[in-house]
Amino acid sequence: VQLQASGGGLVQAGGSLRVSCAASGRTFSTYVMAWFRQPPGKNRDIVAAMGRSGAHVYYADYAKGRFTISRDNAKNMVYLQMNSLKPEDTAVYYCAADVPPTNIYSAYSSGRYDYWGQGTQVTVSS
């Protein structure tokens, strides 16, 4: 499985940005997908995760109400729409895939995910 993230860039505080992730593989609809982020000098943390059909969604507290994860299983794509961006949202954003069989880690743990994209930089200026 290969993941290719794109769509990062520089945006002013209060603005919006959508990052995308293209996944390879013929069984994309069986993957749990997630977005993580790693701010400068900090650990990589969960942003949002979405179940196979899109029915189950998890958001980190800071993402609730501002960010929206979505997926298009027909196109093997997952998206993260980010609104009302703040300077503290500046980070490298990574998409990740949990490919069956699923391990014991929860959907918001990096240990759950088997494959990672290369990351896309999002910079929010004040």
N, C-alpha and C. Protein backbone atom coordinates (compact mmCIF):
# COMPACT_ATOMS: atom_id res chain seq x y z
N VAL A 1 0.85 -1.19 0.00
CA VAL A 1 0.00 0.00 0.00
C VAL A 1 0.89 1.24 0.00
N GLN A 2 0.61 2.15 -0.91
CA GLN A 2 1.33 3.42 -0.95
C GLN A 2 0.36 4.56 -0.75
N LEU A 3 0.78 5.54 0.04
CA LEU A 3 -0.04 6.70 0.34
C LEU A 3 0.69 7.95 -0.11
N GLN A 4 -0.01 8.82 -0.80
CA GLN A 4 0.58 10.05 -1.31
C GLN A 4 -0.27 11.22 -0.85
N ALA A 5 0.29 12.01 0.07
CA ALA A 5 -0.42 13.19 0.58
C ALA A 5 -0.09 14.41 -0.25
N SER A 6 -1.05 15.30 -0.35
CA SER A 6 -0.84 16.54 -1.10
C SER A 6 -1.80 17.61 -0.58
N GLY A 7 -1.56 18.84 -1.03
CA GLY A 7 -2.49 19.91 -0.72
C GLY A 7 -2.06 20.85 0.38
N GLY A 8 -0.93 20.59 0.99
CA GLY A 8 -0.45 21.49 2.04
C GLY A 8 -0.02 22.82 1.44
N GLY A 9 0.28 23.75 2.33
CA GLY A 9 0.73 25.05 1.86
C GLY A 9 0.70 26.07 2.97
N LEU A 10 0.81 27.33 2.56
CA LEU A 10 0.82 28.45 3.49
C LEU A 10 -0.54 29.13 3.45
N VAL A 11 -1.12 29.35 4.60
CA VAL A 11 -2.43 29.99 4.68
C VAL A 11 -2.44 30.93 5.88
N GLN A 12 -3.22 31.98 5.78
CA GLN A 12 -3.34 32.91 6.90
C GLN A 12 -4.27 32.36 7.97
N ALA A 13 -4.06 32.79 9.19
CA ALA A 13 -4.95 32.40 10.28
C ALA A 13 -6.39 32.75 9.92
N GLY A 14 -7.28 31.82 10.23
CA GLY A 14 -8.68 32.00 9.89
C GLY A 14 -9.06 31.42 8.55
N GLY A 15 -8.07 31.06 7.77
CA GLY A 15 -8.32 30.53 6.44
C GLY A 15 -8.60 29.04 6.46
N SER A 16 -8.74 28.49 5.25
CA SER A 16 -9.07 27.08 5.08
C SER A 16 -8.09 26.42 4.13
N LEU A 17 -8.00 25.11 4.29
CA LEU A 17 -7.12 24.33 3.43
C LEU A 17 -7.65 22.90 3.42
N ARG A 18 -7.53 22.24 2.29
CA ARG A 18 -7.89 20.82 2.22
C ARG A 18 -6.67 20.03 1.79
N VAL A 19 -6.30 19.05 2.59
CA VAL A 19 -5.24 18.13 2.22
C VAL A 19 -5.87 16.82 1.77
N SER A 20 -5.20 16.18 0.83
CA SER A 20 -5.71 14.96 0.22
C SER A 20 -4.68 13.85 0.34
N CYS A 21 -5.17 12.63 0.27
CA CYS A 21 -4.28 11.47 0.32
C CYS A 21 -4.79 10.43 -0.66
N ALA A 22 -3.94 10.07 -1.60
CA ALA A 22 -4.27 9.04 -2.57
C ALA A 22 -3.64 7.73 -2.13
N ALA A 23 -4.44 6.67 -2.13
CA ALA A 23 -3.97 5.36 -1.68
C ALA A 23 -3.97 4.37 -2.83
N SER A 24 -2.97 3.51 -2.83
CA SER A 24 -2.95 2.43 -3.80
C SER A 24 -3.66 1.22 -3.19
N GLY A 25 -3.84 0.20 -3.99
CA GLY A 25 -4.46 -1.01 -3.48
C GLY A 25 -5.89 -1.15 -3.95
N ARG A 26 -6.29 -2.39 -4.17
CA ARG A 26 -7.64 -2.65 -4.70
C ARG A 26 -8.67 -2.86 -3.61
N THR A 27 -8.21 -2.81 -2.34
CA THR A 27 -9.14 -3.04 -1.24
C THR A 27 -9.19 -1.85 -0.31
N PHE A 28 -9.13 -0.65 -0.87
CA PHE A 28 -9.12 0.59 -0.07
C PHE A 28 -10.30 0.65 0.88
N SER A 29 -11.44 0.15 0.46
CA SER A 29 -12.65 0.23 1.28
C SER A 29 -12.53 -0.59 2.57
N THR A 30 -11.51 -1.43 2.68
CA THR A 30 -11.30 -2.21 3.90
C THR A 30 -10.32 -1.54 4.86
N TYR A 31 -9.75 -0.40 4.46
CA TYR A 31 -8.75 0.28 5.30
C TYR A 31 -9.44 1.27 6.23
N VAL A 32 -9.01 1.30 7.47
CA VAL A 32 -9.31 2.44 8.33
C VAL A 32 -8.27 3.50 8.01
N MET A 33 -8.71 4.72 7.77
CA MET A 33 -7.81 5.80 7.37
C MET A 33 -7.76 6.89 8.45
N ALA A 34 -6.63 7.54 8.54
CA ALA A 34 -6.47 8.58 9.55
C ALA A 34 -5.52 9.66 9.06
N TRP A 35 -5.64 10.80 9.70
CA TRP A 35 -4.69 11.89 9.55
C TRP A 35 -4.02 12.12 10.90
N PHE A 36 -2.70 12.25 10.86
CA PHE A 36 -1.92 12.64 12.01
C PHE A 36 -1.19 13.94 11.65
N ARG A 37 -0.67 14.59 12.67
CA ARG A 37 0.15 15.75 12.41
C ARG A 37 1.31 15.82 13.39
N GLN A 38 2.38 16.44 12.94
CA GLN A 38 3.56 16.60 13.79
C GLN A 38 4.03 18.05 13.72
N PRO A 39 3.72 18.84 14.75
CA PRO A 39 4.20 20.21 14.81
C PRO A 39 5.71 20.24 15.01
N PRO A 40 6.36 21.33 14.70
CA PRO A 40 7.81 21.42 14.88
C PRO A 40 8.23 21.12 16.32
N GLY A 41 9.14 20.20 16.50
CA GLY A 41 9.67 19.88 17.81
C GLY A 41 8.74 19.09 18.71
N LYS A 42 7.64 18.60 18.16
CA LYS A 42 6.66 17.87 18.98
C LYS A 42 6.42 16.48 18.41
N ASN A 43 5.68 15.69 19.16
CA ASN A 43 5.36 14.34 18.72
C ASN A 43 4.26 14.34 17.66
N ARG A 44 4.16 13.24 16.97
CA ARG A 44 3.09 13.04 16.00
C ARG A 44 1.82 12.63 16.73
N ASP A 45 0.72 13.33 16.47
CA ASP A 45 -0.55 13.06 17.16
C ASP A 45 -1.69 12.91 16.17
N ILE A 46 -2.71 12.22 16.61
CA ILE A 46 -3.91 12.01 15.79
C ILE A 46 -4.64 13.32 15.55
N VAL A 47 -5.14 13.48 14.35
CA VAL A 47 -6.05 14.57 14.02
C VAL A 47 -7.47 14.01 13.90
N ALA A 48 -7.61 13.00 13.03
CA ALA A 48 -8.92 12.40 12.80
C ALA A 48 -8.74 11.02 12.19
N ALA A 49 -9.75 10.18 12.39
CA ALA A 49 -9.74 8.84 11.81
C ALA A 49 -11.14 8.52 11.32
N MET A 50 -11.21 7.70 10.30
CA MET A 50 -12.50 7.33 9.72
C MET A 50 -12.52 5.84 9.41
N GLY A 51 -13.62 5.21 9.78
CA GLY A 51 -13.80 3.79 9.52
C GLY A 51 -13.99 3.49 8.04
N ARG A 52 -14.12 2.22 7.77
CA ARG A 52 -14.09 1.74 6.39
C ARG A 52 -15.22 2.30 5.53
N SER A 53 -16.40 2.41 6.08
CA SER A 53 -17.55 2.90 5.32
C SER A 53 -17.77 4.39 5.51
N GLY A 54 -17.02 4.99 6.42
CA GLY A 54 -17.21 6.39 6.73
C GLY A 54 -18.21 6.64 7.84
N ALA A 55 -18.80 5.58 8.36
CA ALA A 55 -19.83 5.74 9.38
C ALA A 55 -19.25 6.10 10.74
N HIS A 56 -18.04 5.65 11.01
CA HIS A 56 -17.42 5.90 12.30
C HIS A 56 -16.27 6.88 12.13
N VAL A 57 -16.30 7.94 12.91
CA VAL A 57 -15.32 9.02 12.79
C VAL A 57 -14.84 9.40 14.17
N TYR A 58 -13.54 9.67 14.27
CA TYR A 58 -12.95 10.15 15.52
C TYR A 58 -12.19 11.43 15.22
N TYR A 59 -12.35 12.42 16.12
CA TYR A 59 -11.60 13.67 16.00
C TYR A 59 -10.88 13.95 17.31
N ALA A 60 -9.67 14.46 17.21
CA ALA A 60 -9.01 15.03 18.38
C ALA A 60 -9.81 16.25 18.83
N ASP A 61 -9.72 16.55 20.10
CA ASP A 61 -10.52 17.66 20.63
C ASP A 61 -10.27 18.97 19.88
N TYR A 62 -9.03 19.23 19.51
CA TYR A 62 -8.73 20.51 18.86
C TYR A 62 -9.28 20.56 17.43
N ALA A 63 -9.61 19.39 16.88
CA ALA A 63 -10.11 19.34 15.50
C ALA A 63 -11.64 19.41 15.42
N LYS A 64 -12.31 19.11 16.51
CA LYS A 64 -13.77 19.09 16.49
C LYS A 64 -14.33 20.45 16.14
N GLY A 65 -15.25 20.46 15.18
CA GLY A 65 -15.89 21.70 14.77
C GLY A 65 -15.11 22.52 13.75
N ARG A 66 -13.84 22.18 13.53
CA ARG A 66 -13.03 22.93 12.57
C ARG A 66 -12.57 22.06 11.41
N PHE A 67 -12.26 20.81 11.69
CA PHE A 67 -11.73 19.90 10.67
C PHE A 67 -12.77 18.84 10.34
N THR A 68 -12.73 18.39 9.08
CA THR A 68 -13.63 17.32 8.65
C THR A 68 -12.85 16.31 7.83
N ILE A 69 -12.89 15.06 8.25
CA ILE A 69 -12.29 13.98 7.48
C ILE A 69 -13.36 13.36 6.59
N SER A 70 -12.97 12.99 5.39
CA SER A 70 -13.91 12.31 4.50
C SER A 70 -13.11 11.36 3.61
N ARG A 71 -13.83 10.47 2.97
CA ARG A 71 -13.17 9.52 2.08
C ARG A 71 -14.06 9.23 0.89
N ASP A 72 -13.43 8.86 -0.20
CA ASP A 72 -14.13 8.45 -1.41
C ASP A 72 -13.56 7.09 -1.78
N ASN A 73 -14.27 6.04 -1.43
CA ASN A 73 -13.76 4.69 -1.66
C ASN A 73 -13.66 4.36 -3.15
N ALA A 74 -14.46 5.01 -3.98
CA ALA A 74 -14.39 4.75 -5.41
C ALA A 74 -13.11 5.31 -6.03
N LYS A 75 -12.58 6.35 -5.39
CA LYS A 75 -11.37 7.00 -5.91
C LYS A 75 -10.12 6.69 -5.09
N ASN A 76 -10.27 5.88 -4.05
CA ASN A 76 -9.14 5.58 -3.15
C ASN A 76 -8.53 6.85 -2.57
N MET A 77 -9.39 7.74 -2.10
CA MET A 77 -8.94 9.03 -1.58
C MET A 77 -9.50 9.26 -0.18
N VAL A 78 -8.69 9.95 0.62
CA VAL A 78 -9.15 10.46 1.91
C VAL A 78 -8.74 11.92 1.99
N TYR A 79 -9.59 12.71 2.61
CA TYR A 79 -9.40 14.16 2.65
C TYR A 79 -9.47 14.65 4.09
N LEU A 80 -8.86 15.81 4.30
CA LEU A 80 -9.01 16.52 5.56
C LEU A 80 -9.26 17.99 5.23
N GLN A 81 -10.48 18.42 5.45
CA GLN A 81 -10.84 19.81 5.27
C GLN A 81 -10.58 20.54 6.57
N MET A 82 -9.80 21.59 6.52
CA MET A 82 -9.42 22.33 7.71
C MET A 82 -9.89 23.77 7.58
N ASN A 83 -10.75 24.18 8.49
CA ASN A 83 -11.29 25.54 8.50
C ASN A 83 -10.85 26.26 9.77
N SER A 84 -10.98 27.57 9.75
CA SER A 84 -10.63 28.40 10.92
C SER A 84 -9.24 28.04 11.44
N LEU A 85 -8.31 27.98 10.53
CA LEU A 85 -6.96 27.55 10.89
C LEU A 85 -6.28 28.54 11.83
N LYS A 86 -5.47 27.99 12.72
CA LYS A 86 -4.74 28.79 13.70
C LYS A 86 -3.24 28.55 13.52
N PRO A 87 -2.41 29.47 13.97
CA PRO A 87 -0.96 29.24 13.86
C PRO A 87 -0.51 27.93 14.50
N GLU A 88 -1.18 27.53 15.57
CA GLU A 88 -0.80 26.28 16.23
C GLU A 88 -1.17 25.03 15.44
N ASP A 89 -1.87 25.21 14.34
CA ASP A 89 -2.15 24.08 13.44
C ASP A 89 -0.97 23.82 12.49
N THR A 90 0.03 24.67 12.53
CA THR A 90 1.20 24.48 11.70
C THR A 90 1.87 23.16 12.04
N ALA A 91 2.05 22.31 11.03
CA ALA A 91 2.59 20.96 11.24
C ALA A 91 2.78 20.28 9.90
N VAL A 92 3.46 19.16 9.93
CA VAL A 92 3.44 18.24 8.80
C VAL A 92 2.28 17.29 9.02
N TYR A 93 1.43 17.18 8.04
CA TYR A 93 0.24 16.33 8.14
C TYR A 93 0.49 15.04 7.36
N TYR A 94 0.21 13.92 8.05
CA TYR A 94 0.44 12.60 7.48
C TYR A 94 -0.87 11.83 7.38
N CYS A 95 -1.08 11.16 6.27
CA CYS A 95 -2.18 10.21 6.21
C CYS A 95 -1.64 8.82 6.54
N ALA A 96 -2.51 7.98 7.07
CA ALA A 96 -2.11 6.66 7.51
C ALA A 96 -3.23 5.67 7.24
N ALA A 97 -2.84 4.42 6.99
CA ALA A 97 -3.81 3.38 6.67
C ALA A 97 -3.63 2.18 7.60
N ASP A 98 -4.75 1.71 8.11
CA ASP A 98 -4.80 0.47 8.88
C ASP A 98 -5.38 -0.60 7.97
N VAL A 99 -4.52 -1.54 7.60
CA VAL A 99 -4.92 -2.58 6.64
C VAL A 99 -5.22 -3.86 7.41
N PRO A 100 -6.33 -4.52 7.11
CA PRO A 100 -6.67 -5.76 7.83
C PRO A 100 -5.56 -6.80 7.71
N PRO A 101 -5.35 -7.61 8.74
CA PRO A 101 -6.11 -7.65 9.99
C PRO A 101 -5.71 -6.53 10.94
N THR A 102 -6.70 -6.02 11.66
CA THR A 102 -6.48 -4.91 12.59
C THR A 102 -5.80 -5.40 13.85
N ASN A 103 -4.86 -4.58 14.38
CA ASN A 103 -4.18 -4.97 15.62
C ASN A 103 -4.96 -4.44 16.82
N ILE A 104 -4.34 -4.51 17.98
CA ILE A 104 -5.07 -4.21 19.22
C ILE A 104 -5.13 -2.72 19.54
N TYR A 105 -4.37 -1.90 18.80
CA TYR A 105 -4.33 -0.48 19.14
C TYR A 105 -5.62 0.21 18.72
N SER A 106 -5.94 1.28 19.42
CA SER A 106 -7.14 2.04 19.11
C SER A 106 -6.92 2.88 17.86
N ALA A 107 -8.01 3.37 17.30
CA ALA A 107 -7.95 4.12 16.05
C ALA A 107 -7.21 5.44 16.18
N TYR A 108 -7.05 5.93 17.41
CA TYR A 108 -6.35 7.21 17.57
C TYR A 108 -4.89 7.02 17.97
N SER A 109 -4.41 5.78 17.93
CA SER A 109 -3.02 5.50 18.25
C SER A 109 -2.22 5.26 16.97
N SER A 110 -1.04 5.84 16.89
CA SER A 110 -0.22 5.64 15.70
C SER A 110 0.15 4.17 15.50
N GLY A 111 0.18 3.42 16.58
CA GLY A 111 0.51 2.00 16.49
C GLY A 111 -0.49 1.17 15.72
N ARG A 112 -1.68 1.75 15.52
CA ARG A 112 -2.73 1.03 14.79
C ARG A 112 -2.41 0.92 13.31
N TYR A 113 -1.63 1.87 12.79
CA TYR A 113 -1.54 2.07 11.34
C TYR A 113 -0.30 1.43 10.74
N ASP A 114 -0.50 0.77 9.63
CA ASP A 114 0.54 -0.01 8.99
C ASP A 114 1.31 0.77 7.93
N TYR A 115 0.66 1.72 7.31
CA TYR A 115 1.27 2.45 6.19
C TYR A 115 1.07 3.94 6.39
N TRP A 116 2.11 4.68 5.98
CA TRP A 116 2.11 6.13 6.17
C TRP A 116 2.49 6.82 4.87
N GLY A 117 1.87 7.97 4.63
CA GLY A 117 2.29 8.82 3.54
C GLY A 117 3.51 9.62 3.91
N GLN A 118 4.00 10.39 2.98
CA GLN A 118 5.26 11.12 3.18
C GLN A 118 5.07 12.41 3.95
N GLY A 119 3.83 12.84 4.12
CA GLY A 119 3.57 14.08 4.84
C GLY A 119 3.48 15.28 3.92
N THR A 120 2.65 16.22 4.32
CA THR A 120 2.53 17.48 3.59
C THR A 120 2.53 18.62 4.60
N GLN A 121 3.31 19.65 4.32
CA GLN A 121 3.50 20.75 5.26
C GLN A 121 2.33 21.72 5.19
N VAL A 122 1.79 22.03 6.35
CA VAL A 122 0.78 23.08 6.46
C VAL A 122 1.33 24.15 7.39
N THR A 123 1.38 25.37 6.90
CA THR A 123 1.89 26.48 7.67
C THR A 123 0.82 27.56 7.76
N VAL A 124 0.48 27.93 8.98
CA VAL A 124 -0.55 28.95 9.21
C VAL A 124 0.12 30.18 9.78
N SER A 125 0.04 31.27 9.06
CA SER A 125 0.66 32.51 9.51
C SER A 125 -0.33 33.34 10.32
N SER A 126 0.21 34.08 11.26
CA SER A 126 -0.65 34.90 12.13
C SER A 126 -0.87 36.29 11.54
